[in-house]
Protein backbone atom coordinates (compact mmCIF):
# COMPACT_ATOMS: atom_id res chain seq x y z
CA MET A 1 0.00 0.00 0.00
CA ASN A 2 1.45 3.34 -1.10
CA VAL A 3 0.63 6.45 0.90
CA THR A 4 -1.01 9.32 -0.99
CA ARG A 5 0.63 12.73 -1.22
CA ASN A 6 -1.88 14.38 1.13
CA SER A 7 -1.84 11.64 3.75
CA GLY A 8 1.97 11.47 3.57
CA LEU A 9 2.20 15.20 4.19
CA TRP A 10 -0.17 15.02 7.15
CA MET A 11 1.77 12.12 8.67
CA ALA A 12 5.07 13.97 8.23
CA LEU A 13 3.61 17.07 9.90
CA LEU A 14 2.16 14.97 12.72
CA GLY A 15 5.57 13.45 13.46
CA GLY A 16 7.24 16.87 13.72
CA ILE A 17 4.48 18.25 15.95
CA LEU A 18 4.64 15.25 18.31
CA LEU A 19 8.42 15.61 18.68
CA TRP A 20 8.07 19.31 19.44
CA ALA A 21 5.12 18.89 21.81
CA GLY A 22 7.04 16.37 23.93
CA TRP A 23 10.27 18.38 24.20
CA PRO A 24 11.35 20.35 27.28
CA SER A 25 10.04 22.50 28.72
CA SER A 26 6.69 20.98 27.70
CA PRO A 27 5.14 18.64 30.29
CA LEU A 28 3.95 16.27 27.50
CA THR A 29 7.13 14.17 27.51
CA LEU A 30 5.18 10.92 27.07
CA LEU A 31 4.38 11.92 23.48
CA LEU A 32 7.98 11.17 22.55
CA PHE A 33 7.34 7.47 23.14
CA VAL A 34 5.09 7.46 20.04
CA ALA A 35 6.42 10.47 18.10
CA TRP A 36 8.41 8.42 15.56
CA VAL A 37 5.44 6.21 14.63
CA PRO A 38 4.33 8.43 11.70
CA LEU A 39 7.78 8.16 10.09
CA LEU A 40 7.85 4.40 10.66
CA TYR A 41 4.49 4.19 8.92
CA LEU A 42 5.73 6.32 6.01
CA ALA A 43 8.80 4.12 5.61
CA ASP A 44 6.52 1.10 5.17
CA THR A 45 4.04 2.77 2.82
CA THR A 46 6.28 4.88 0.59
CA GLY A 47 7.67 3.07 -2.45
CA SER A 48 10.30 5.63 -3.43
CA TRP A 49 13.26 6.55 -1.26
CA LYS A 50 13.12 10.06 -2.70
CA LYS A 51 9.56 10.52 -1.50
CA PHE A 52 10.42 9.09 1.90
CA PHE A 53 13.38 11.45 2.13
CA GLY A 54 10.98 14.34 1.48
CA TRP A 55 8.54 13.21 4.18
CA SER A 56 11.31 12.63 6.73
CA TYR A 57 12.88 16.01 5.95
CA ILE A 58 9.56 17.74 6.59
CA THR A 59 9.22 15.97 9.96
CA LEU A 60 12.75 16.75 11.08
CA LEU A 61 12.75 20.33 9.81
CA LEU A 62 9.49 21.01 11.65
CA TRP A 63 10.95 19.52 14.85
CA ASN A 64 14.12 21.63 14.53
CA VAL A 65 12.31 24.88 13.81
CA LEU A 66 9.59 24.55 16.44
CA THR A 67 12.00 23.41 19.15
CA THR A 68 15.06 25.60 18.51
CA TRP A 69 13.61 28.58 16.60
CA TRP A 70 15.19 30.86 19.19
CA VAL A 71 18.65 30.22 17.66
CA ALA A 72 17.67 32.64 14.91
CA LYS A 73 17.41 35.48 17.46
CA ALA A 74 21.22 35.62 17.47
CA SER A 75 21.49 35.39 13.67
CA VAL A 76 18.59 34.87 11.28
CA PRO A 77 20.78 33.62 8.41
CA GLY A 78 22.76 31.42 10.80
CA GLY A 79 19.59 30.04 12.35
CA ILE A 80 18.01 29.21 8.99
CA GLY A 81 21.23 27.55 7.85
CA ALA A 82 21.36 25.50 11.06
CA PHE A 83 17.75 24.34 10.68
CA LEU A 84 18.21 23.29 7.07
CA ALA A 85 21.57 21.58 7.60
CA ASN A 86 20.72 19.82 10.86
CA SER A 87 17.46 18.46 9.44
CA LEU A 88 19.30 17.16 6.39
CA ILE A 89 21.88 15.33 8.51
CA MET A 90 19.11 13.85 10.66
CA CYS A 91 17.59 12.24 7.55
CA LEU A 92 20.62 9.98 7.08
CA PRO A 93 19.76 7.35 9.73
CA TRP A 94 16.18 7.26 8.44
CA LEU A 95 17.32 6.72 4.84
CA ALA A 96 19.62 3.94 6.05
CA TYR A 97 16.62 2.37 7.78
CA PHE A 98 14.50 2.70 4.61
CA PHE A 99 17.04 0.68 2.59
CA THR A 100 17.65 -1.80 5.43
CA ARG A 101 13.98 -2.83 5.50
CA ALA A 102 14.28 -4.45 2.07
CA HIS A 103 16.97 -6.89 3.24
CA PHE A 104 16.15 -7.65 6.89
CA ASN A 105 13.06 -8.83 8.70
CA ARG A 106 10.84 -6.50 10.68
CA PHE A 107 12.55 -7.12 14.03
CA LEU A 108 16.11 -6.63 12.77
CA SER A 109 15.08 -3.56 10.79
CA GLY A 110 13.74 -1.99 13.98
CA VAL A 111 17.01 -2.76 15.77
CA ALA A 112 18.89 -1.23 12.85
CA LEU A 113 16.92 2.01 13.10
CA ILE A 114 17.74 2.28 16.81
CA VAL A 115 21.49 1.86 16.33
CA TYR A 116 21.54 4.07 13.22
CA TRP A 117 19.94 6.96 15.09
CA MET A 118 22.11 6.52 18.17
CA THR A 119 25.21 6.46 15.96
CA PHE A 120 24.09 9.73 14.40
CA GLU A 121 23.69 11.26 17.88
CA TRP A 122 27.16 10.07 18.86
CA ILE A 123 28.75 11.54 15.73
CA HIS A 124 26.83 14.76 16.29
CA LEU A 125 28.46 15.01 19.71
CA ASN A 126 31.98 14.75 18.34
CA TRP A 127 32.60 16.87 15.24
CA ASP A 128 33.06 20.57 14.48
CA LEU A 129 29.46 21.00 13.32
CA SER A 130 28.23 19.47 16.55
CA TRP A 131 24.71 20.40 17.63
CA PRO A 132 23.48 17.74 20.07
CA TRP A 133 20.73 19.94 21.52
CA LEU A 134 18.10 17.50 20.23
CA THR A 135 19.73 14.31 21.51
CA LEU A 136 16.65 12.29 22.45
CA GLY A 137 17.97 11.46 25.91
CA ASN A 138 17.88 15.17 26.81
CA ALA A 139 14.08 15.01 26.74
CA PHE A 140 13.87 13.65 30.30
CA ALA A 141 15.54 16.69 31.88
CA LEU A 142 12.19 17.70 33.41
CA HIS A 143 11.81 14.26 34.98
CA PRO A 144 15.05 13.39 36.81
CA ASN A 145 13.22 10.79 38.90
CA TRP A 146 12.54 8.80 35.72
CA VAL A 147 16.21 8.54 34.74
CA GLN A 148 18.32 8.04 37.84
CA TRP A 149 19.92 5.17 35.89
CA TYR A 150 21.70 7.77 33.73
CA GLU A 151 24.56 7.24 36.17
CA TYR A 152 25.14 4.03 34.15
CA THR A 153 24.11 4.98 30.59
CA GLY A 154 24.16 8.75 30.27
CA ALA A 155 21.70 10.38 27.89
CA ALA A 156 22.27 7.56 25.40
CA GLY A 157 20.08 5.38 27.63
CA GLY A 158 17.22 7.83 27.23
CA SER A 159 17.63 7.82 23.46
CA LEU A 160 17.49 4.03 23.48
CA TRP A 161 14.37 4.11 25.66
CA ILE A 162 12.49 6.45 23.31
CA LEU A 163 13.53 4.63 20.13
CA LEU A 164 12.73 1.17 21.49
CA SER A 165 9.30 2.34 22.63
CA ASN A 166 8.48 3.77 19.21
CA VAL A 167 9.56 0.62 17.37
CA LEU A 168 7.55 -1.58 19.74
CA VAL A 169 4.37 0.48 19.63
CA TYR A 170 4.51 0.56 15.83
CA HIS A 171 4.88 -3.22 15.73
CA VAL A 172 1.95 -3.51 18.16
CA LEU A 173 -0.21 -1.51 15.76
CA LEU A 174 0.94 -3.60 12.79
CA ARG A 175 0.22 -6.85 14.62
CA TYR A 176 -3.24 -5.63 15.56
CA ARG A 177 -3.99 -4.68 11.96
CA GLU A 178 -2.76 -8.06 10.68
CA GLU A 179 -4.06 -10.41 13.39
CA GLY A 180 -6.49 -8.50 15.58
CA ARG A 181 -6.36 -9.31 19.30
CA SER A 182 -4.13 -12.34 18.90
CA THR A 183 -1.68 -13.84 21.36
CA GLY A 184 1.18 -12.23 19.46
CA TYR A 185 -0.50 -8.84 19.70
CA PHE A 186 -0.93 -9.09 23.48
CA LYS A 187 2.68 -10.23 23.93
CA LEU A 188 3.98 -7.26 21.98
CA ALA A 189 1.66 -4.89 23.84
CA ALA A 190 2.93 -6.26 27.16
CA ALA A 191 6.53 -5.80 26.01
CA TRP A 192 5.79 -2.18 25.17
CA VAL A 193 4.19 -1.51 28.57
CA LEU A 194 7.22 -3.08 30.29
CA THR A 195 9.52 -0.93 28.17
CA LEU A 196 7.70 2.19 29.31
CA GLY A 197 7.46 1.32 32.99
CA THR A 198 10.59 -0.63 33.90
CA PRO A 199 13.11 2.25 33.64
CA ILE A 200 10.95 4.46 35.85
CA ILE A 201 10.66 1.73 38.48
CA LEU A 202 14.40 1.04 38.20
CA SER A 203 15.13 4.67 39.03
CA VAL A 204 13.81 4.14 42.55
CA PHE A 205 16.51 1.55 43.27
CA VAL A 206 19.65 3.05 41.73
CA LYS A 207 20.16 6.09 43.93
CA GLN A 208 23.48 5.19 45.47
CA GLN A 209 24.90 6.47 48.73
CA LEU A 210 27.46 9.19 48.00
CA THR A 211 30.91 9.41 49.53
CA LEU A 212 31.71 12.77 51.11
CA LEU A 213 35.26 14.00 50.55
CA HIS A 214 35.44 16.51 53.39
CA ASN A 215 33.46 19.11 55.29
CA LYS A 216 30.86 21.13 53.40
CA TYR A 217 31.53 24.68 52.22
CA ASN A 218 29.25 27.30 50.80
CA VAL A 219 29.43 28.50 47.22
CA VAL A 220 28.07 31.79 45.86
CA VAL A 221 26.84 32.20 42.27
CA VAL A 222 26.29 35.66 40.81
CA GLN A 223 23.77 36.61 38.13
CA PRO A 224 24.65 40.18 36.95
CA ASN A 225 21.88 40.33 34.32
CA TYR A 226 23.64 42.36 31.62
CA ASP A 227 21.94 42.42 28.23
CA PRO A 228 24.52 40.94 25.80
CA TRP A 229 23.02 42.91 22.91
CA ASP A 230 23.37 46.23 24.72
CA THR A 231 24.91 46.57 28.17
CA LYS A 232 27.34 43.67 28.47
CA PHE A 233 29.79 44.61 25.72
CA ALA A 234 29.15 48.36 25.70
CA ALA A 235 32.30 50.48 25.56
CA GLY A 236 32.85 52.67 28.62
CA LYS A 237 30.78 50.51 30.99
CA GLU A 238 33.42 47.89 31.75
CA GLU A 239 34.58 49.36 35.08
CA MET A 240 31.02 49.74 36.34
CA GLN A 241 30.21 46.13 35.48
CA LEU A 242 33.30 44.77 37.21
CA GLN A 243 32.63 46.81 40.33
CA GLU A 244 29.02 45.62 40.39
CA LEU A 245 30.09 41.96 40.15
CA ILE A 246 32.47 42.51 43.05
CA SER A 247 29.81 44.31 45.11
CA LEU A 248 27.22 41.54 44.54
CA SER A 249 29.77 38.92 45.58
CA GLN A 250 31.00 40.79 48.66
CA LYS A 251 27.47 41.06 50.06
CA GLN A 252 27.03 37.28 50.08
CA ILE A 253 30.36 35.80 51.12
CA ASP A 254 31.13 34.88 54.72
CA ALA A 255 33.82 32.99 56.60
CA GLU A 256 32.53 29.65 55.25
CA THR A 257 32.50 30.70 51.59
CA ALA A 258 35.02 28.74 49.54
CA LEU A 259 34.06 29.68 45.99
CA VAL A 260 32.34 32.46 44.05
CA VAL A 261 31.14 31.77 40.50
CA TRP A 262 30.61 34.45 37.84
CA PRO A 263 29.13 33.77 34.39
CA GLU A 264 30.68 33.36 30.94
CA THR A 265 32.79 36.35 29.81
CA ALA A 266 31.98 38.11 33.09
CA ILE A 267 35.36 39.87 32.96
CA PRO A 268 34.31 42.81 30.76
CA TYR A 269 37.68 43.17 29.02
CA THR A 270 39.53 41.13 26.41
CA VAL A 271 42.72 40.26 28.30
CA LEU A 272 46.13 38.78 27.62
CA GLU A 273 46.09 35.61 29.70
CA ASP A 274 49.76 35.71 30.62
CA GLN A 275 49.53 39.32 31.87
CA LEU A 276 46.51 39.16 34.18
CA ARG A 277 48.47 40.34 37.22
CA GLU A 278 49.78 43.36 35.33
CA ASN A 279 46.43 44.35 33.83
CA LEU A 280 45.46 47.70 35.39
CA PHE A 281 41.76 47.19 34.63
CA LEU A 282 41.75 44.06 36.83
CA LYS A 283 43.15 45.79 39.94
CA PRO A 284 39.67 45.87 41.59
CA LEU A 285 39.34 42.10 41.10
CA TRP A 286 42.73 41.38 42.67
CA GLY A 287 41.86 43.76 45.49
CA PHE A 288 38.63 41.89 46.17
CA LEU A 289 40.52 38.58 46.38
CA GLN A 290 43.23 39.99 48.63
CA ARG A 291 40.55 41.25 51.02
CA ASN A 292 39.04 37.74 51.03
CA PRO A 293 42.05 35.38 50.83
CA HIS A 294 39.93 32.35 51.81
CA VAL A 295 37.83 32.72 48.64
CA ASN A 296 38.49 31.44 45.12
CA LEU A 297 36.72 33.00 42.15
CA LEU A 298 35.68 31.08 39.01
CA THR A 299 34.77 33.39 36.16
CA GLY A 300 34.42 33.39 32.41
CA LEU A 301 36.73 35.62 30.41
CA GLU A 302 37.67 36.24 26.81
CA GLY A 303 41.42 35.78 26.58
CA ARG A 304 44.24 36.16 24.10
CA ARG A 305 47.78 34.80 23.81
CA LEU A 306 50.57 36.14 21.61
CA PHE A 307 52.94 33.89 19.63
CA PRO A 308 55.93 34.63 17.37
CA THR A 309 54.77 32.02 14.81
CA ARG A 310 51.46 30.46 13.79
CA VAL A 311 50.68 27.74 16.32
CA SER A 312 47.30 26.64 14.94
CA ARG A 313 44.84 27.42 12.17
CA PHE A 314 42.97 29.60 14.68
CA ALA A 315 45.90 31.99 15.15
CA GLN A 316 45.46 35.36 13.43
CA LYS A 317 48.38 37.31 11.98
CA LEU A 318 49.17 40.70 13.55
CA PRO A 319 50.57 43.76 11.75
CA ASP A 320 53.94 43.28 13.48
CA GLY A 321 54.27 39.78 12.02
CA GLY A 322 53.32 37.91 15.20
CA PHE A 323 50.18 35.88 15.80
CA VAL A 324 47.36 35.92 18.34
CA GLU A 325 44.98 33.17 19.47
CA GLY A 326 41.62 33.91 21.07
CA TYR A 327 39.85 31.82 23.70
CA ASN A 328 36.53 31.62 25.46
CA SER A 329 37.82 30.64 28.88
CA ALA A 330 37.00 29.77 32.46
CA ALA A 331 39.54 31.14 34.94
CA LEU A 332 39.95 30.19 38.59
CA PHE A 333 41.49 33.08 40.58
CA ASP A 334 42.83 33.19 44.10
CA SER A 335 44.56 36.17 45.72
CA THR A 336 47.90 35.46 44.03
CA SER A 337 47.41 33.19 40.99
CA VAL A 338 45.08 31.99 38.26
CA GLN A 339 44.34 28.70 36.47
CA ILE A 340 42.74 28.80 33.01
CA TYR A 341 40.68 26.35 30.97
CA HIS A 342 39.91 27.10 27.31
CA LYS A 343 36.46 26.07 26.17
CA SER A 344 36.75 23.01 23.92
CA LYS A 345 33.19 22.31 22.74
CA LEU A 346 32.75 25.39 20.59
CA VAL A 347 29.52 26.68 19.07
CA PRO A 348 29.50 26.06 15.28
CA GLY A 349 29.58 29.39 13.49
CA PRO A 350 30.32 32.08 16.09
CA GLU A 351 33.14 30.16 17.83
CA VAL A 352 34.43 27.56 15.39
CA LEU A 353 34.19 26.79 11.69
CA PRO A 354 35.50 23.71 9.90
CA ALA A 355 38.34 24.58 7.55
CA PHE A 356 36.10 24.23 4.49
CA LEU A 357 33.77 26.96 5.88
CA SER A 358 36.48 29.40 6.93
CA PHE A 359 35.39 31.85 4.20
CA MET A 360 32.27 32.56 6.31
CA GLY A 361 34.32 33.93 9.22
CA PRO A 362 33.48 37.62 8.52
CA VAL A 363 29.76 36.80 8.59
CA PHE A 364 29.86 35.17 12.02
CA GLU A 365 32.17 37.83 13.45
CA LYS A 366 29.20 40.20 13.28
CA PHE A 367 27.35 37.98 15.76
CA GLY A 368 29.92 37.78 18.54
CA GLY A 369 32.31 35.33 16.89
CA THR A 370 35.89 35.68 15.72
CA MET A 371 37.31 35.69 12.21
CA GLY A 372 39.35 32.54 12.68
CA GLY A 373 37.37 30.98 15.48
CA TYR A 374 38.47 30.34 19.04
CA ALA A 375 41.32 27.99 19.85
CA ARG A 376 40.61 25.30 22.44
CA ASP A 377 42.18 23.13 25.08
CA THR A 378 43.26 19.72 23.83
CA THR A 379 42.88 18.03 27.21
CA GLU A 380 40.37 18.11 30.04
CA ARG A 381 41.73 20.63 32.53
CA VAL A 382 40.37 20.23 36.06
CA LEU A 383 40.64 23.45 38.08
CA HIS A 384 41.80 22.91 41.68
CA THR A 385 40.85 25.48 44.31
CA THR A 386 43.86 26.62 46.28
CA ASN A 387 41.84 26.59 49.51
CA HIS A 388 41.63 22.80 49.12
CA THR A 389 37.85 22.60 48.90
CA PHE A 390 36.83 21.63 45.36
CA ASN A 391 38.24 20.14 42.18
CA ILE A 392 36.15 21.77 39.48
CA THR A 393 34.80 20.53 36.15
CA PRO A 394 34.46 23.82 34.24
CA ALA A 395 31.68 23.88 31.62
CA VAL A 396 31.61 27.03 29.53
CA CYS A 397 28.40 27.93 27.70
CA TYR A 398 26.77 24.91 26.08
CA GLU A 399 29.51 22.44 27.06
CA SER A 400 27.08 21.27 29.73
CA ILE A 401 25.08 19.32 27.13
CA TYR A 402 28.07 17.04 26.46
CA GLY A 403 27.75 14.38 29.13
CA GLY A 404 30.54 12.20 27.76
CA TYR A 405 32.94 15.14 27.59
CA LEU A 406 32.25 16.22 31.18
CA SER A 407 32.66 12.64 32.37
CA ARG A 408 36.32 12.85 31.35
CA PHE A 409 36.84 15.70 33.84
CA ASN A 410 35.06 13.75 36.55
CA ARG A 411 37.32 10.79 35.77
CA LYS A 412 40.22 13.04 36.82
CA ASP A 413 38.79 13.37 40.35
CA ALA A 414 36.71 16.49 39.80
CA ASP A 415 34.07 16.73 42.53
CA LEU A 416 32.01 19.79 41.55
CA ILE A 417 30.58 20.87 38.18
CA CYS A 418 30.52 24.62 37.57
CA ILE A 419 28.65 25.93 34.55
CA VAL A 420 29.40 29.49 33.42
CA THR A 421 27.18 30.65 30.60
CA ASN A 422 25.50 33.67 29.05
CA ASP A 423 22.17 32.44 27.63
CA GLY A 424 21.09 36.03 26.99
CA TRP A 425 21.61 35.99 23.24
CA TRP A 426 18.23 34.35 22.65
CA GLY A 427 16.06 36.50 24.91
CA ASP A 428 13.13 35.15 26.92
CA THR A 429 12.66 31.93 24.93
CA GLN A 430 12.80 28.19 25.47
CA GLY A 431 16.55 28.22 24.82
CA TYR A 432 17.77 29.19 28.27
CA ARG A 433 15.11 27.03 29.94
CA GLN A 434 16.18 23.92 28.01
CA HIS A 435 19.84 24.66 28.67
CA MET A 436 19.32 24.87 32.42
CA GLN A 437 17.21 21.71 32.51
CA TYR A 438 19.85 19.69 30.64
CA ALA A 439 22.30 20.44 33.48
CA ARG A 440 20.14 18.28 35.75
CA LEU A 441 21.11 15.25 33.68
CA ARG A 442 24.83 16.01 34.12
CA ALA A 443 24.33 15.98 37.90
CA ILE A 444 22.73 12.52 37.75
CA GLU A 445 25.38 11.09 35.42
CA SER A 446 28.23 12.15 37.70
CA ARG A 447 26.46 12.28 41.10
CA LYS A 448 28.01 15.70 41.64
CA TRP A 449 26.59 19.04 42.70
CA VAL A 450 26.21 21.60 39.91
CA ALA A 451 26.72 25.33 40.49
CA ARG A 452 25.39 27.27 37.50
CA SER A 453 26.02 30.97 36.91
CA ALA A 454 24.16 32.44 33.93
CA ASN A 455 24.49 36.10 33.01
CA THR A 456 20.75 36.73 32.53
CA GLY A 457 19.46 33.50 34.10
CA ILE A 458 18.72 30.84 35.06
CA SER A 459 21.43 30.60 37.74
CA CYS A 460 20.93 27.70 40.12
CA PHE A 461 22.26 24.90 42.28
CA ILE A 462 21.42 21.30 41.35
CA ASP A 463 21.97 18.39 43.72
CA PRO A 464 23.51 15.02 42.66
CA TYR A 465 20.03 13.58 41.98
CA GLY A 466 19.05 16.28 39.51
CA ASN A 467 16.86 18.27 41.87
CA ILE A 468 17.02 22.07 41.76
CA ALA A 469 17.97 23.29 45.24
CA GLN A 470 17.82 27.04 44.48
CA GLN A 471 17.42 29.15 41.38
CA LEU A 472 17.21 32.76 40.23
CA SER A 473 14.57 33.62 37.67
CA TRP A 474 15.25 35.01 34.22
CA ASN A 475 16.14 38.70 33.75
CA LYS A 476 16.87 39.30 37.42
CA GLN A 477 20.07 40.48 39.07
CA GLY A 478 21.04 38.65 42.22
CA THR A 479 23.10 36.03 44.01
CA LEU A 480 22.57 32.59 45.50
CA LYS A 481 24.47 30.88 48.29
CA GLN A 482 24.37 27.13 48.90
CA THR A 483 26.32 24.78 51.15
CA LEU A 484 27.78 22.08 48.91
CA ALA A 485 29.55 18.80 49.46
CA ALA A 486 32.44 17.52 47.34
CA PHE A 487 31.36 13.97 46.47
CA VAL A 488 33.99 11.56 45.21
CA SER A 489 31.71 8.66 44.27
CA GLU A 490 32.59 7.47 40.76
CA THR A 491 29.64 6.35 38.68
CA PHE A 492 29.73 3.73 35.95
CA TYR A 493 29.12 6.50 33.41
CA THR A 494 31.97 8.58 34.79
CA ARG A 495 34.31 5.63 34.35
CA TYR A 496 33.21 4.51 30.88
CA GLY A 497 31.59 7.60 29.32
CA ASP A 498 29.43 7.13 26.22
CA TRP A 499 29.90 3.36 26.07
CA LEU A 500 26.31 2.82 24.94
CA PHE A 501 26.72 5.18 21.98
CA CYS A 502 29.93 3.35 21.06
CA ALA A 503 28.17 -0.03 21.19
CA ALA A 504 25.42 1.35 18.94
CA ALA A 505 28.02 2.62 16.45
CA VAL A 506 29.69 -0.80 16.23
CA SER A 507 26.28 -2.43 15.71
CA ALA A 508 25.34 0.13 13.05
CA LEU A 509 28.57 -0.54 11.18
CA ALA A 510 27.83 -4.27 11.25
CA PHE A 511 24.34 -3.68 9.85
CA LEU A 512 25.67 -1.47 7.08
CA LEU A 513 28.37 -3.97 6.09
CA ILE A 514 25.84 -6.82 5.94
CA LEU A 515 23.45 -4.58 4.01
CA LEU A 516 26.18 -3.73 1.51
CA TYR A 517 27.00 -7.43 1.12
CA LYS A 518 23.35 -8.28 0.50
CA VAL A 519 22.93 -5.51 -2.05
CA ILE A 520 26.04 -6.63 -3.96
CA LEU A 521 24.92 -10.27 -3.78
CA TYR A 522 21.44 -9.34 -5.01
CA LYS A 523 22.85 -7.49 -8.02
CA LYS A 524 25.05 -10.48 -8.96
CA ARG A 525 22.18 -12.96 -9.00
CA PRO A 526 21.19 -13.97 -12.55
CA LEU A 527 17.66 -13.12 -13.60
CA LYS A 528 15.30 -16.09 -13.90
CA LYS A 529 14.05 -16.72 -17.41
CA SER A 530 10.32 -16.64 -17.80
CA SER A 531 8.79 -19.88 -19.09
């Protein structure tokens, strides 16, 4: 049975709407357990791969636009390009599934779809055009009590849960259409119900006891609330902004305060990282720390380093013949020294461009980026407080959506996750809400406290079970103080990272190799002569 053009269009639209309606911060998360069914139906009822590609592209484009439309508030051309490109890439696992169906039975084809999609998510976490915002496992950020087992699987487990549910419910519907209320139908229906319920029940039993490293200390996060389109980078207001950050911090700290956290690029100057002590504009900051020698300060800053020769493709040539690299950094200050981590998971476009897109550098520079892109750290750099209280996993901007990447810091004995971000570029939209909610999943995966400082909100503290202990609302200036514990418990996910994504990728490769073999074998078979 071939689907008609009108019904195909309606099914494609339905799939996109279901995916959007179930995404954070919507409370309709359960819709995601059936949201892929329209595309599964179209794969079975569309005879041409070109038509199926069109239907799947409509579904995925609608999902991208409705869920992440706010990206275009920073750059309309950049946002449109991201929607079109990301939706196109997302079609690849579905096209692979479409061709797989012709050479495998229904069960194995469903397994193939699951591992194809998970492989796509894994790749999308690990290349320069990375945009894993719509990783399916992120969808449970509003329901941390459903996914306490993320300490074993990470977000990949949530992706598997959603995909398996969709494949099973589709097969339940097919079995009902073919056999009615048969024994096989009831068995499949029972399997689907177990798939939905078992992970939630399991979450009740996996909350482990955490090992405390030492006494608890309080941490202060500051939310300055500077509009990045107007106030934050306005010339002539830098000194006022720095003084206000210091004043907000000073009002909250006490004798038990170990750490103060400021947001991304909170230092309102572009600074040479090897001359921070000599920088006259930073004298108020050093004065604040010298008055409070028991306090460490973690802040975002935009840094530069000078080199006599080109050290990377990100280095820009200077008029004097030297070169300069730029960084989006997190810096941990005490009263006499500073440790620096350079953001490594860079935003495609404004912060990094693959070499083949370098010609677009001037376009993205207009939207807060750099001509050559930021350089990055090549290793996970844990920041150690000099008051011997915390070993910090620094997550700058949207690095907090990379669970596997942060697990590598935690593997190096980090015991506190600090997120410094801006989130003001997109205004009062779903963007900053989704970003904050995703941080709850990082807490569960690592069983660590999260201290989150966001320039315009939402700043918050999240406990090791994904619960929000305190938060500041959007577009509000203020501070939060929370007593935190440094937990040293190592989770399975901390130790092995994205092992489930890796297993899916190996399985997907096996499917594709077998598929290729079958296609070649099919083409070599001689045609039977008609009698």
